[in-house]
Amino acid sequence: MEALFIKKDSHIKVRISSKTTYYSIHSILGSKTVFLAFFFFLFIQTVVHSQKQAFFAPADTLDKARFYTGLAFTSSSFTATSIGLYNSWYKQFDQSEFHLFNDWKEWRGMDKLGHAYTSYNLCNIGYQGARWTGLSKSNSLWFAGIGSTLIQTTIEVMDGFSTKWGFSVGDVVFNSVGTASFILQEAYWDEQRFRIKISSHNDGYSEHLLTSQNGNSYSLTQRVDDLYGSGRLEQFLKDYNKQTIWLSANVRSLIPKAPVPKWLNLSFGYSPENLFGGFENSWTIGEDLYELSKDLYPRSHQFILSFDADLNRIKTSNHFLNTLLALTNSFKIPAPAIEYNSLG
């Protein structure tokens, strides 16, 4: 939804941006991020309502009180959030007939990896929540898979009826990749040997001033604020230039006799640089066209190798602490890294 759509006309040199190119983002979170944050919040709220330490431990058998309370709360919250999201966000923009939107080459693939990350971790949360109620492993996997798919597909369908966006087949594919990667590992290995994680750095942007063909000025930091937001949390969740998506592999799971701690992971990351538009670093504001120099701001990407920790493998006797470790395990810990980028 936050994508920048640039169209090209082979007979006209001036680039024309679609309606999604420029608008002020006042919400601290994009709609897809709202759902992810909401379910993190839901999971936390579920576990903190009890004063008994044993409450944080998964039930050995189906606990009907836990199950029906959780199901009712989750269903009603999901319904209310979906309605609220439509009225507070999608209703502001023009609606149209259901249509597709081709964004495969947008944001150098970072948006797609973000979908895989979101669906994987939503599935993980749903599964752990279901196991906490005492559901069997197979039923918990079904619950998690359906829940993750329902959440993501609801947003994609609303996109499909919005003139500014559209139903993205690419998004659905990577939603499925994230969900399937969790379910298949849990089903066949009974553990997550590979986890999809995220990290973000806090480097600032240049105050570089751009001038349009009409002589008007616009700074690069203004573009960043309009595109990714100005707050640290908002940029952490939305700024592709600062994000890295990681595939974090547990060393001991892959090499059982390796002389390393059982929580040690090796992570392979991907991140882009200098993305100030979905396809190109060019955008319009009213009648003004702004364009960044390809020499000063080359759109590039990088591959990163680093260490990480699988916090789920650090077990304590405190079930609450185990829950906190599990909740933070979707974020990669800071560690030294080696980078290879597309600039050579």
C-alpha atoms as a PDB file:
ATOM      1  CA  MET A   1       0.000   0.000   0.000  1.00  0.00           C
ATOM      2  CA  GLU A   2       2.886   2.381   0.696  1.00  0.00           C
ATOM      3  CA  ALA A   3       4.284   1.590  -2.716  1.00  0.00           C
ATOM      4  CA  LEU A   4       5.327   4.234  -5.214  1.00  0.00           C
ATOM      5  CA  PHE A   5       4.029   3.484  -8.684  1.00  0.00           C
ATOM      6  CA  ILE A   6       5.935   5.058 -11.582  1.00  0.00           C
ATOM      7  CA  LYS A   7       4.620   4.762 -15.121  1.00  0.00           C
ATOM      8  CA  LYS A   8       6.641   5.308 -18.267  1.00  0.00           C
ATOM      9  CA  ASP A   9       5.451   6.461 -21.658  1.00  0.00           C
ATOM     10  CA  SER A  10       7.823   5.533 -24.470  1.00  0.00           C
ATOM     11  CA  HIS A  11       6.870   8.676 -26.409  1.00  0.00           C
ATOM     12  CA  ILE A  12       7.025  11.142 -23.543  1.00  0.00           C
ATOM     13  CA  LYS A  13      10.157  11.744 -21.512  1.00  0.00           C
ATOM     14  CA  VAL A  14       8.366  13.177 -18.491  1.00  0.00           C
ATOM     15  CA  ARG A  15       7.651  10.497 -15.913  1.00  0.00           C
ATOM     16  CA  ILE A  16       4.149  10.499 -14.542  1.00  0.00           C
ATOM     17  CA  SER A  17       3.388   9.096 -11.142  1.00  0.00           C
ATOM     18  CA  SER A  18       0.205   7.330 -10.224  1.00  0.00           C
ATOM     19  CA  LYS A  19      -2.139   8.478  -7.491  1.00  0.00           C
ATOM     20  CA  THR A  20      -0.117   6.496  -4.962  1.00  0.00           C
ATOM     21  CA  THR A  21       3.027   8.531  -5.524  1.00  0.00           C
ATOM     22  CA  TYR A  22       2.557  11.331  -3.042  1.00  0.00           C
ATOM     23  CA  TYR A  23       0.380  11.678  -0.028  1.00  0.00           C
ATOM     24  CA  SER A  24       1.073  12.552   3.559  1.00  0.00           C
ATOM     25  CA  ILE A  25       1.116   9.586   5.932  1.00  0.00           C
ATOM     26  CA  HIS A  26      -0.307  10.597   9.274  1.00  0.00           C
ATOM     27  CA  SER A  27      -0.813   7.097  10.636  1.00  0.00           C
ATOM     28  CA  ILE A  28       2.092   5.727  12.635  1.00  0.00           C
ATOM     29  CA  LEU A  29       1.602   2.327  11.022  1.00  0.00           C
ATOM     30  CA  GLY A  30       0.657   1.090   7.580  1.00  0.00           C
ATOM     31  CA  SER A  31      -2.326  -1.244   7.416  1.00  0.00           C
ATOM     32  CA  LYS A  32      -0.277  -4.420   7.016  1.00  0.00           C
ATOM     33  CA  THR A  33       1.874  -3.442   9.960  1.00  0.00           C
ATOM     34  CA  VAL A  34      -1.205  -2.684  12.052  1.00  0.00           C
ATOM     35  CA  PHE A  35      -2.292  -6.296  11.813  1.00  0.00           C
ATOM     36  CA  LEU A  36       1.135  -7.629  12.771  1.00  0.00           C
ATOM     37  CA  ALA A  37       1.428  -5.269  15.745  1.00  0.00           C
ATOM     38  CA  PHE A  38      -2.157  -6.019  16.741  1.00  0.00           C
ATOM     39  CA  PHE A  39      -1.555  -9.739  16.996  1.00  0.00           C
ATOM     40  CA  PHE A  40       1.643  -9.217  18.956  1.00  0.00           C
ATOM     41  CA  PHE A  41      -0.447  -7.073  21.318  1.00  0.00           C
ATOM     42  CA  LEU A  42      -3.194  -9.702  21.389  1.00  0.00           C
ATOM     43  CA  PHE A  43      -0.765 -12.421  22.357  1.00  0.00           C
ATOM     44  CA  ILE A  44       0.766 -10.314  25.128  1.00  0.00           C
ATOM     45  CA  GLN A  45      -2.663  -9.353  26.469  1.00  0.00           C
ATOM     46  CA  THR A  46      -3.664 -13.001  26.564  1.00  0.00           C
ATOM     47  CA  VAL A  47      -0.734 -14.058  28.693  1.00  0.00           C
ATOM     48  CA  VAL A  48      -0.643 -11.178  31.173  1.00  0.00           C
ATOM     49  CA  HIS A  49      -4.180 -11.532  32.454  1.00  0.00           C
ATOM     50  CA  SER A  50      -3.275 -14.214  34.947  1.00  0.00           C
ATOM     51  CA  GLN A  51      -1.434 -13.779  38.241  1.00  0.00           C
ATOM     52  CA  LYS A  52      -0.420 -17.419  38.320  1.00  0.00           C
ATOM     53  CA  GLN A  53       2.986 -18.286  36.898  1.00  0.00           C
ATOM     54  CA  ALA A  54       1.650 -21.613  35.545  1.00  0.00           C
ATOM     55  CA  PHE A  55      -0.682 -19.663  33.299  1.00  0.00           C
ATOM     56  CA  PHE A  56       2.209 -18.979  30.918  1.00  0.00           C
ATOM     57  CA  ALA A  57       2.871 -22.672  30.364  1.00  0.00           C
ATOM     58  CA  PRO A  58       1.063 -24.428  27.465  1.00  0.00           C
ATOM     59  CA  ALA A  59      -1.790 -26.667  28.595  1.00  0.00           C
ATOM     60  CA  ASP A  60      -1.157 -30.423  28.414  1.00  0.00           C
ATOM     61  CA  THR A  61      -4.693 -31.062  27.202  1.00  0.00           C
ATOM     62  CA  LEU A  62      -7.364 -28.861  25.700  1.00  0.00           C
ATOM     63  CA  ASP A  63      -8.340 -26.159  28.157  1.00  0.00           C
ATOM     64  CA  LYS A  64     -11.828 -25.184  27.002  1.00  0.00           C
ATOM     65  CA  ALA A  65     -11.854 -21.969  29.021  1.00  0.00           C
ATOM     66  CA  ARG A  66      -8.629 -20.834  27.380  1.00  0.00           C
ATOM     67  CA  PHE A  67      -9.699 -21.997  23.947  1.00  0.00           C
ATOM     68  CA  TYR A  68     -13.169 -20.430  23.783  1.00  0.00           C
ATOM     69  CA  THR A  69     -12.077 -17.213  25.486  1.00  0.00           C
ATOM     70  CA  GLY A  70      -9.147 -16.846  23.120  1.00  0.00           C
ATOM     71  CA  LEU A  71     -11.244 -17.740  20.081  1.00  0.00           C
ATOM     72  CA  ALA A  72     -14.002 -15.275  20.960  1.00  0.00           C
ATOM     73  CA  PHE A  73     -11.575 -12.475  21.723  1.00  0.00           C
ATOM     74  CA  THR A  74      -9.503 -13.117  18.594  1.00  0.00           C
ATOM     75  CA  SER A  75     -12.544 -13.337  16.298  1.00  0.00           C
ATOM     76  CA  SER A  76     -14.210 -10.225  17.632  1.00  0.00           C
ATOM     77  CA  SER A  77     -10.942  -8.251  17.617  1.00  0.00           C
ATOM     78  CA  PHE A  78     -10.140  -9.313  14.069  1.00  0.00           C
ATOM     79  CA  THR A  79     -13.618  -8.317  12.886  1.00  0.00           C
ATOM     80  CA  ALA A  80     -13.517  -4.970  14.687  1.00  0.00           C
ATOM     81  CA  THR A  81     -10.005  -4.220  13.428  1.00  0.00           C
ATOM     82  CA  SER A  82     -10.920  -5.073   9.826  1.00  0.00           C
ATOM     83  CA  ILE A  83     -13.960  -2.797   9.926  1.00  0.00           C
ATOM     84  CA  GLY A  84     -11.977  -0.059  11.633  1.00  0.00           C
ATOM     85  CA  LEU A  85      -9.156  -0.358   9.109  1.00  0.00           C
ATOM     86  CA  TYR A  86     -11.555  -0.040   6.200  1.00  0.00           C
ATOM     87  CA  ASN A  87     -13.339   2.996   7.644  1.00  0.00           C
ATOM     88  CA  SER A  88     -10.195   4.800   8.821  1.00  0.00           C
ATOM     89  CA  TRP A  89      -7.955   4.042   5.829  1.00  0.00           C
ATOM     90  CA  TYR A  90      -9.460   2.541   2.660  1.00  0.00           C
ATOM     91  CA  LYS A  91     -12.640   4.598   2.796  1.00  0.00           C
ATOM     92  CA  GLN A  92     -10.536   7.759   2.376  1.00  0.00           C
ATOM     93  CA  PHE A  93      -9.592   6.736  -1.165  1.00  0.00           C
ATOM     94  CA  ASP A  94     -11.592   6.044  -4.295  1.00  0.00           C
ATOM     95  CA  GLN A  95     -13.020   2.562  -4.707  1.00  0.00           C
ATOM     96  CA  SER A  96     -13.240   0.605  -7.952  1.00  0.00           C
ATOM     97  CA  GLU A  97     -14.040  -2.831  -9.293  1.00  0.00           C
ATOM     98  CA  PHE A  98     -11.780  -5.613  -8.090  1.00  0.00           C
ATOM     99  CA  HIS A  99      -8.512  -5.476 -10.056  1.00  0.00           C
ATOM    100  CA  LEU A 100      -4.946  -6.751 -10.013  1.00  0.00           C
ATOM    101  CA  PHE A 101      -1.778  -4.754  -9.414  1.00  0.00           C
ATOM    102  CA  ASN A 102       1.587  -5.881 -10.792  1.00  0.00           C
ATOM    103  CA  ASP A 103       4.271  -4.909  -8.297  1.00  0.00           C
ATOM    104  CA  TRP A 104       6.767  -7.739  -8.770  1.00  0.00           C
ATOM    105  CA  LYS A 105       9.674  -5.387  -9.553  1.00  0.00           C
ATOM    106  CA  GLU A 106       8.775  -2.778  -6.988  1.00  0.00           C
ATOM    107  CA  TRP A 107      11.072  -1.833  -4.081  1.00  0.00           C
ATOM    108  CA  ARG A 108      13.730  -4.274  -5.350  1.00  0.00           C
ATOM    109  CA  GLY A 109      11.819  -7.179  -3.810  1.00  0.00           C
ATOM    110  CA  MET A 110      11.907  -5.830  -0.260  1.00  0.00           C
ATOM    111  CA  ASP A 111       8.133  -5.537  -0.030  1.00  0.00           C
ATOM    112  CA  LYS A 112       7.765  -9.196  -0.986  1.00  0.00           C
ATOM    113  CA  LEU A 113      10.250 -10.358   1.634  1.00  0.00           C
ATOM    114  CA  GLY A 114       8.341  -8.239   4.133  1.00  0.00           C
ATOM    115  CA  HIS A 115       5.199 -10.192   3.322  1.00  0.00           C
ATOM    116  CA  ALA A 116       7.016 -13.471   3.914  1.00  0.00           C
ATOM    117  CA  TYR A 117       8.342 -12.156   7.225  1.00  0.00           C
ATOM    118  CA  THR A 118       4.902 -10.980   8.377  1.00  0.00           C
ATOM    119  CA  SER A 119       3.035 -14.164   7.458  1.00  0.00           C
ATOM    120  CA  TYR A 120       5.743 -16.402   8.943  1.00  0.00           C
ATOM    121  CA  ASN A 121       5.647 -14.627  12.288  1.00  0.00           C
ATOM    122  CA  LEU A 122       1.854 -14.353  12.349  1.00  0.00           C
ATOM    123  CA  CYS A 123       1.760 -18.105  11.809  1.00  0.00           C
ATOM    124  CA  ASN A 124       4.258 -18.599  14.615  1.00  0.00           C
ATOM    125  CA  ILE A 125       2.195 -16.497  17.032  1.00  0.00           C
ATOM    126  CA  GLY A 126      -1.015 -18.287  16.059  1.00  0.00           C
ATOM    127  CA  TYR A 127       0.596 -21.687  16.522  1.00  0.00           C
ATOM    128  CA  GLN A 128       2.076 -20.888  19.924  1.00  0.00           C
ATOM    129  CA  GLY A 129      -1.225 -19.425  21.048  1.00  0.00           C
ATOM    130  CA  ALA A 130      -3.110 -22.518  19.914  1.00  0.00           C
ATOM    131  CA  ARG A 131      -0.662 -24.846  21.663  1.00  0.00           C
ATOM    132  CA  TRP A 132      -1.042 -22.729  24.793  1.00  0.00           C
ATOM    133  CA  THR A 133      -4.770 -23.576  24.826  1.00  0.00           C
ATOM    134  CA  GLY A 134      -3.951 -27.281  24.654  1.00  0.00           C
ATOM    135  CA  LEU A 135      -4.812 -27.924  21.006  1.00  0.00           C
ATOM    136  CA  SER A 136      -2.937 -30.778  19.366  1.00  0.00           C
ATOM    137  CA  LYS A 137       0.020 -30.075  17.121  1.00  0.00           C
ATOM    138  CA  SER A 138      -1.865 -30.795  13.891  1.00  0.00           C
ATOM    139  CA  ASN A 139      -4.899 -28.735  14.893  1.00  0.00           C
ATOM    140  CA  SER A 140      -2.643 -25.881  16.010  1.00  0.00           C
ATOM    141  CA  LEU A 141      -0.904 -25.869  12.621  1.00  0.00           C
ATOM    142  CA  TRP A 142      -4.265 -25.719  10.859  1.00  0.00           C
ATOM    143  CA  PHE A 143      -5.380 -22.887  13.138  1.00  0.00           C
ATOM    144  CA  ALA A 144      -2.165 -20.933  12.578  1.00  0.00           C
ATOM    145  CA  GLY A 145      -2.140 -21.414   8.815  1.00  0.00           C
ATOM    146  CA  ILE A 146      -5.761 -20.417   8.336  1.00  0.00           C
ATOM    147  CA  GLY A 147      -5.413 -17.453  10.684  1.00  0.00           C
ATOM    148  CA  SER A 148      -2.296 -16.071   9.012  1.00  0.00           C
ATOM    149  CA  THR A 149      -3.794 -16.528   5.551  1.00  0.00           C
ATOM    150  CA  LEU A 150      -7.085 -14.914   6.562  1.00  0.00           C
ATOM    151  CA  ILE A 151      -5.384 -11.839   8.014  1.00  0.00           C
ATOM    152  CA  GLN A 152      -3.136 -11.251   5.025  1.00  0.00           C
ATOM    153  CA  THR A 153      -5.785 -12.043   2.403  1.00  0.00           C
ATOM    154  CA  THR A 154      -8.287  -9.664   4.012  1.00  0.00           C
ATOM    155  CA  ILE A 155      -5.877  -6.797   3.433  1.00  0.00           C
ATOM    156  CA  GLU A 156      -5.081  -7.889  -0.117  1.00  0.00           C
ATOM    157  CA  VAL A 157      -8.794  -8.044  -0.993  1.00  0.00           C
ATOM    158  CA  MET A 158      -9.333  -4.533   0.355  1.00  0.00           C
ATOM    159  CA  ASP A 159      -6.349  -3.445  -1.750  1.00  0.00           C
ATOM    160  CA  GLY A 160      -8.010  -5.063  -4.756  1.00  0.00           C
ATOM    161  CA  PHE A 161     -11.058  -2.809  -4.515  1.00  0.00           C
ATOM    162  CA  SER A 162      -9.020   0.355  -4.040  1.00  0.00           C
ATOM    163  CA  THR A 163      -8.252   2.510  -7.071  1.00  0.00           C
ATOM    164  CA  LYS A 164      -4.899   3.509  -5.611  1.00  0.00           C
ATOM    165  CA  TRP A 165      -3.665  -0.069  -5.268  1.00  0.00           C
ATOM    166  CA  GLY A 166      -4.885  -3.464  -6.386  1.00  0.00           C
ATOM    167  CA  PHE A 167      -4.782  -7.137  -5.539  1.00  0.00           C
ATOM    168  CA  SER A 168      -1.146  -8.233  -5.740  1.00  0.00           C
ATOM    169  CA  VAL A 169      -0.518 -11.828  -6.793  1.00  0.00           C
ATOM    170  CA  GLY A 170       3.099 -11.368  -5.737  1.00  0.00           C
ATOM    171  CA  ASP A 171       2.041 -10.428  -2.223  1.00  0.00           C
ATOM    172  CA  VAL A 172      -0.149 -13.519  -1.975  1.00  0.00           C
ATOM    173  CA  VAL A 173       2.686 -15.744  -3.207  1.00  0.00           C
ATOM    174  CA  PHE A 174       5.072 -14.476  -0.551  1.00  0.00           C
ATOM    175  CA  ASN A 175       2.369 -14.576   2.117  1.00  0.00           C
ATOM    176  CA  SER A 176       2.060 -18.266   1.273  1.00  0.00           C
ATOM    177  CA  VAL A 177       5.829 -18.731   1.331  1.00  0.00           C
ATOM    178  CA  GLY A 178       6.033 -17.338   4.852  1.00  0.00           C
ATOM    179  CA  THR A 179       3.110 -19.395   6.150  1.00  0.00           C
ATOM    180  CA  ALA A 180       4.272 -22.594   4.471  1.00  0.00           C
ATOM    181  CA  SER A 181       7.845 -22.206   5.713  1.00  0.00           C
ATOM    182  CA  PHE A 182       6.625 -22.227   9.305  1.00  0.00           C
ATOM    183  CA  ILE A 183       4.083 -25.020   8.931  1.00  0.00           C
ATOM    184  CA  LEU A 184       6.330 -27.404   6.973  1.00  0.00           C
ATOM    185  CA  GLN A 185       9.220 -27.052   9.408  1.00  0.00           C
ATOM    186  CA  GLU A 186       6.999 -27.622  12.420  1.00  0.00           C
ATOM    187  CA  ALA A 187       5.239 -30.550  10.778  1.00  0.00           C
ATOM    188  CA  TYR A 188       8.332 -32.439   9.595  1.00  0.00           C
ATOM    189  CA  TRP A 189      11.092 -31.350  11.994  1.00  0.00           C
ATOM    190  CA  ASP A 190       9.038 -30.386  15.038  1.00  0.00           C
ATOM    191  CA  GLU A 191      11.207 -27.262  15.264  1.00  0.00           C
ATOM    192  CA  GLN A 192      12.094 -24.139  13.333  1.00  0.00           C
ATOM    193  CA  ARG A 193      15.551 -24.679  11.876  1.00  0.00           C
ATOM    194  CA  PHE A 194      15.165 -21.587   9.715  1.00  0.00           C
ATOM    195  CA  ARG A 195      13.517 -18.420  11.000  1.00  0.00           C
ATOM    196  CA  ILE A 196      12.581 -15.261   9.105  1.00  0.00           C
ATOM    197  CA  LYS A 197      13.654 -12.182  11.057  1.00  0.00           C
ATOM    198  CA  ILE A 198      14.021  -8.457  10.623  1.00  0.00           C
ATOM    199  CA  SER A 199      16.416  -5.733  11.762  1.00  0.00           C
ATOM    200  CA  SER A 200      16.710  -2.004  11.172  1.00  0.00           C
ATOM    201  CA  HIS A 201      19.531   0.507  11.518  1.00  0.00           C
ATOM    202  CA  ASN A 202      19.138   4.153  12.460  1.00  0.00           C
ATOM    203  CA  ASP A 203      21.325   5.981   9.933  1.00  0.00           C
ATOM    204  CA  GLY A 204      20.066   9.444   9.012  1.00  0.00           C
ATOM    205  CA  TYR A 205      19.459  10.971   5.587  1.00  0.00           C
ATOM    206  CA  SER A 206      21.113  13.818   3.761  1.00  0.00           C
ATOM    207  CA  GLU A 207      19.524  17.271   3.762  1.00  0.00           C
ATOM    208  CA  HIS A 208      20.073  17.326  -0.002  1.00  0.00           C
ATOM    209  CA  LEU A 209      17.821  19.950  -1.625  1.00  0.00           C
ATOM    210  CA  LEU A 210      16.131  19.137  -4.919  1.00  0.00           C
ATOM    211  CA  THR A 211      14.807  21.654  -7.437  1.00  0.00           C
ATOM    212  CA  SER A 212      11.923  20.893  -9.793  1.00  0.00           C
ATOM    213  CA  GLN A 213      11.653  22.002 -13.428  1.00  0.00           C
ATOM    214  CA  ASN A 214       9.417  24.822 -12.142  1.00  0.00           C
ATOM    215  CA  GLY A 215      12.080  26.085  -9.752  1.00  0.00           C
ATOM    216  CA  ASN A 216      10.440  24.849  -6.545  1.00  0.00           C
ATOM    217  CA  SER A 217      12.541  23.194  -3.828  1.00  0.00           C
ATOM    218  CA  TYR A 218      11.997  19.980  -1.904  1.00  0.00           C
ATOM    219  CA  SER A 219      14.451  18.267   0.436  1.00  0.00           C
ATOM    220  CA  LEU A 220      15.327  14.583   0.533  1.00  0.00           C
ATOM    221  CA  THR A 221      14.394  14.410   4.200  1.00  0.00           C
ATOM    222  CA  GLN A 222      10.919  15.686   3.311  1.00  0.00           C
ATOM    223  CA  ARG A 223      10.610  12.875   0.800  1.00  0.00           C
ATOM    224  CA  VAL A 224      11.630  10.348   3.442  1.00  0.00           C
ATOM    225  CA  ASP A 225       9.112  11.728   5.943  1.00  0.00           C
ATOM    226  CA  ASP A 226       6.308  11.602   3.363  1.00  0.00           C
ATOM    227  CA  LEU A 227       7.245   8.124   2.175  1.00  0.00           C
ATOM    228  CA  TYR A 228       8.389   6.338   5.320  1.00  0.00           C
ATOM    229  CA  GLY A 229       7.325   8.574   8.198  1.00  0.00           C
ATOM    230  CA  SER A 230       9.398  10.676  10.580  1.00  0.00           C
ATOM    231  CA  GLY A 231       9.249   8.709  13.837  1.00  0.00           C
ATOM    232  CA  ARG A 232      11.792   6.052  14.757  1.00  0.00           C
ATOM    233  CA  LEU A 233       9.165   3.343  15.242  1.00  0.00           C
ATOM    234  CA  GLU A 234       7.412   4.184  11.993  1.00  0.00           C
ATOM    235  CA  GLN A 235      10.665   4.147  10.033  1.00  0.00           C
ATOM    236  CA  PHE A 236      11.681   0.884  11.689  1.00  0.00           C
ATOM    237  CA  LEU A 237       8.518  -0.709  10.383  1.00  0.00           C
ATOM    238  CA  LYS A 238       8.326   0.956   6.959  1.00  0.00           C
ATOM    239  CA  ASP A 239      11.708   2.284   5.786  1.00  0.00           C
ATOM    240  CA  TYR A 240      13.095  -0.218   3.285  1.00  0.00           C
ATOM    241  CA  ASN A 241      16.439   1.574   3.206  1.00  0.00           C
ATOM    242  CA  LYS A 242      16.943   0.812   6.890  1.00  0.00           C
ATOM    243  CA  GLN A 243      15.477  -2.683   7.004  1.00  0.00           C
ATOM    244  CA  THR A 244      17.154  -6.032   6.513  1.00  0.00           C
ATOM    245  CA  ILE A 245      15.196  -9.275   6.163  1.00  0.00           C
ATOM    246  CA  TRP A 246      17.079 -12.314   7.462  1.00  0.00           C
ATOM    247  CA  LEU A 247      16.905 -16.056   7.009  1.00  0.00           C
ATOM    248  CA  SER A 248      18.338 -17.224  10.309  1.00  0.00           C
ATOM    249  CA  ALA A 249      19.527 -20.848  10.403  1.00  0.00           C
ATOM    250  CA  ASN A 250      20.295 -22.745  13.608  1.00  0.00           C
ATOM    251  CA  VAL A 251      23.766 -24.283  13.411  1.00  0.00           C
ATOM    252  CA  ARG A 252      23.182 -27.216  15.790  1.00  0.00           C
ATOM    253  CA  SER A 253      19.967 -28.208  14.005  1.00  0.00           C
ATOM    254  CA  LEU A 254      21.842 -28.484  10.718  1.00  0.00           C
ATOM    255  CA  ILE A 255      25.122 -29.825  12.150  1.00  0.00           C
ATOM    256  CA  PRO A 256      24.216 -31.709  15.365  1.00  0.00           C
ATOM    257  CA  LYS A 257      27.822 -32.279  16.465  1.00  0.00           C
ATOM    258  CA  ALA A 258      28.987 -28.719  15.865  1.00  0.00           C
ATOM    259  CA  PRO A 259      30.911 -27.409  18.932  1.00  0.00           C
ATOM    260  CA  VAL A 260      28.741 -24.316  19.322  1.00  0.00           C
ATOM    261  CA  PRO A 261      25.908 -23.277  21.679  1.00  0.00           C
ATOM    262  CA  LYS A 262      22.540 -24.724  20.696  1.00  0.00           C
ATOM    263  CA  TRP A 263      21.087 -21.210  20.343  1.00  0.00           C
ATOM    264  CA  LEU A 264      23.705 -19.977  17.840  1.00  0.00           C
ATOM    265  CA  ASN A 265      22.351 -19.104  14.381  1.00  0.00           C
ATOM    266  CA  LEU A 266      23.953 -18.082  11.132  1.00  0.00           C
ATOM    267  CA  SER A 267      21.905 -15.442   9.306  1.00  0.00           C
ATOM    268  CA  PHE A 268      21.708 -14.478   5.649  1.00  0.00           C
ATOM    269  CA  GLY A 269      20.296 -11.014   5.108  1.00  0.00           C
ATOM    270  CA  TYR A 270      19.040  -8.929   2.209  1.00  0.00           C
ATOM    271  CA  SER A 271      18.508  -5.180   2.160  1.00  0.00           C
ATOM    272  CA  PRO A 272      18.274  -2.354  -0.406  1.00  0.00           C
ATOM    273  CA  GLU A 273      19.778   1.119  -0.459  1.00  0.00           C
ATOM    274  CA  ASN A 274      18.652   4.478  -1.832  1.00  0.00           C
ATOM    275  CA  LEU A 275      15.036   3.574  -2.488  1.00  0.00           C
ATOM    276  CA  PHE A 276      13.014   6.783  -2.649  1.00  0.00           C
ATOM    277  CA  GLY A 277      10.372   5.403  -5.004  1.00  0.00           C
ATOM    278  CA  GLY A 278       8.907   2.040  -5.894  1.00  0.00           C
ATOM    279  CA  PHE A 279      10.559   1.688  -9.299  1.00  0.00           C
ATOM    280  CA  GLU A 280      12.673   4.832  -9.702  1.00  0.00           C
ATOM    281  CA  ASN A 281      13.902   7.733  -7.601  1.00  0.00           C
ATOM    282  CA  SER A 282      11.530  10.106  -9.336  1.00  0.00           C
ATOM    283  CA  TRP A 283       8.224  11.531  -8.172  1.00  0.00           C
ATOM    284  CA  THR A 284       5.816  14.401  -8.729  1.00  0.00           C
ATOM    285  CA  ILE A 285       4.154  16.817  -6.330  1.00  0.00           C
ATOM    286  CA  GLY A 286       1.417  18.684  -8.138  1.00  0.00           C
ATOM    287  CA  GLU A 287       3.037  20.028 -11.308  1.00  0.00           C
ATOM    288  CA  ASP A 288       6.581  19.625  -9.980  1.00  0.00           C
ATOM    289  CA  LEU A 289       8.814  16.728 -11.026  1.00  0.00           C
ATOM    290  CA  TYR A 290      11.707  15.763  -8.742  1.00  0.00           C
ATOM    291  CA  GLU A 291      14.425  13.290  -9.620  1.00  0.00           C
ATOM    292  CA  LEU A 292      17.518  12.093  -7.756  1.00  0.00           C
ATOM    293  CA  SER A 293      20.879  11.671  -9.477  1.00  0.00           C
ATOM    294  CA  LYS A 294      21.639   8.023 -10.224  1.00  0.00           C
ATOM    295  CA  ASP A 295      25.324   8.708  -9.564  1.00  0.00           C
ATOM    296  CA  LEU A 296      24.768  10.249  -6.133  1.00  0.00           C
ATOM    297  CA  TYR A 297      21.943   7.920  -5.103  1.00  0.00           C
ATOM    298  CA  PRO A 298      22.329   4.602  -6.973  1.00  0.00           C
ATOM    299  CA  ARG A 299      19.533   2.137  -6.252  1.00  0.00           C
ATOM    300  CA  SER A 300      21.301  -0.971  -5.023  1.00  0.00           C
ATOM    301  CA  HIS A 301      20.961  -3.992  -2.776  1.00  0.00           C
ATOM    302  CA  GLN A 302      23.232  -5.994  -0.522  1.00  0.00           C
ATOM    303  CA  PHE A 303      23.630  -9.515   0.816  1.00  0.00           C
ATOM    304  CA  ILE A 304      24.824  -9.887   4.390  1.00  0.00           C
ATOM    305  CA  LEU A 305      26.232 -12.770   6.419  1.00  0.00           C
ATOM    306  CA  SER A 306      26.068 -12.472  10.204  1.00  0.00           C
ATOM    307  CA  PHE A 307      25.586 -14.306  13.493  1.00  0.00           C
ATOM    308  CA  ASP A 308      22.289 -14.448  15.372  1.00  0.00           C
ATOM    309  CA  ALA A 309      20.596 -16.196  18.293  1.00  0.00           C
ATOM    310  CA  ASP A 310      17.491 -18.380  18.330  1.00  0.00           C
ATOM    311  CA  LEU A 311      15.971 -17.118  21.558  1.00  0.00           C
ATOM    312  CA  ASN A 312      13.401 -19.938  21.594  1.00  0.00           C
ATOM    313  CA  ARG A 313      16.269 -22.347  22.317  1.00  0.00           C
ATOM    314  CA  ILE A 314      17.214 -20.490  25.492  1.00  0.00           C
ATOM    315  CA  LYS A 315      14.957 -22.251  27.993  1.00  0.00           C
ATOM    316  CA  THR A 316      14.454 -21.178  31.586  1.00  0.00           C
ATOM    317  CA  SER A 317      12.258 -22.433  34.404  1.00  0.00           C
ATOM    318  CA  ASN A 318      10.292 -19.193  34.184  1.00  0.00           C
ATOM    319  CA  HIS A 319       7.448 -19.560  31.668  1.00  0.00           C
ATOM    320  CA  PHE A 320       6.891 -15.804  31.539  1.00  0.00           C
ATOM    321  CA  LEU A 321      10.533 -15.216  30.597  1.00  0.00           C
ATOM    322  CA  ASN A 322      10.287 -17.946  27.954  1.00  0.00           C
ATOM    323  CA  THR A 323       7.271 -16.118  26.517  1.00  0.00           C
ATOM    324  CA  LEU A 324       9.183 -12.838  26.332  1.00  0.00           C
ATOM    325  CA  LEU A 325      12.096 -14.536  24.581  1.00  0.00           C
ATOM    326  CA  ALA A 326       9.707 -16.096  22.074  1.00  0.00           C
ATOM    327  CA  LEU A 327       8.003 -12.763  21.375  1.00  0.00           C
ATOM    328  CA  THR A 328      11.311 -11.027  20.615  1.00  0.00           C
ATOM    329  CA  ASN A 329      12.651 -13.861  18.475  1.00  0.00           C
ATOM    330  CA  SER A 330      11.301 -12.318  15.273  1.00  0.00           C
ATOM    331  CA  PHE A 331      14.024  -9.647  15.497  1.00  0.00           C
ATOM    332  CA  LYS A 332      17.658 -10.350  14.699  1.00  0.00           C
ATOM    333  CA  ILE A 333      20.149  -9.450  17.403  1.00  0.00           C
ATOM    334  CA  PRO A 334      22.967  -7.012  16.478  1.00  0.00           C
ATOM    335  CA  ALA A 335      26.189  -8.775  15.479  1.00  0.00           C
ATOM    336  CA  PRO A 336      29.229  -8.265  13.221  1.00  0.00           C
ATOM    337  CA  ALA A 337      28.530  -8.922   9.547  1.00  0.00           C
ATOM    338  CA  ILE A 338      30.094  -9.316   6.119  1.00  0.00           C
ATOM    339  CA  GLU A 339      28.414  -7.543   3.205  1.00  0.00           C
ATOM    340  CA  TYR A 340      28.481  -8.010  -0.565  1.00  0.00           C
ATOM    341  CA  ASN A 341      26.547  -5.393  -2.527  1.00  0.00           C
ATOM    342  CA  SER A 342      25.427  -4.858  -6.112  1.00  0.00           C
ATOM    343  CA  LEU A 343      27.817  -1.923  -6.502  1.00  0.00           C
ATOM    344  CA  GLY A 344      30.749  -4.293  -6.308  1.00  0.00           C
END
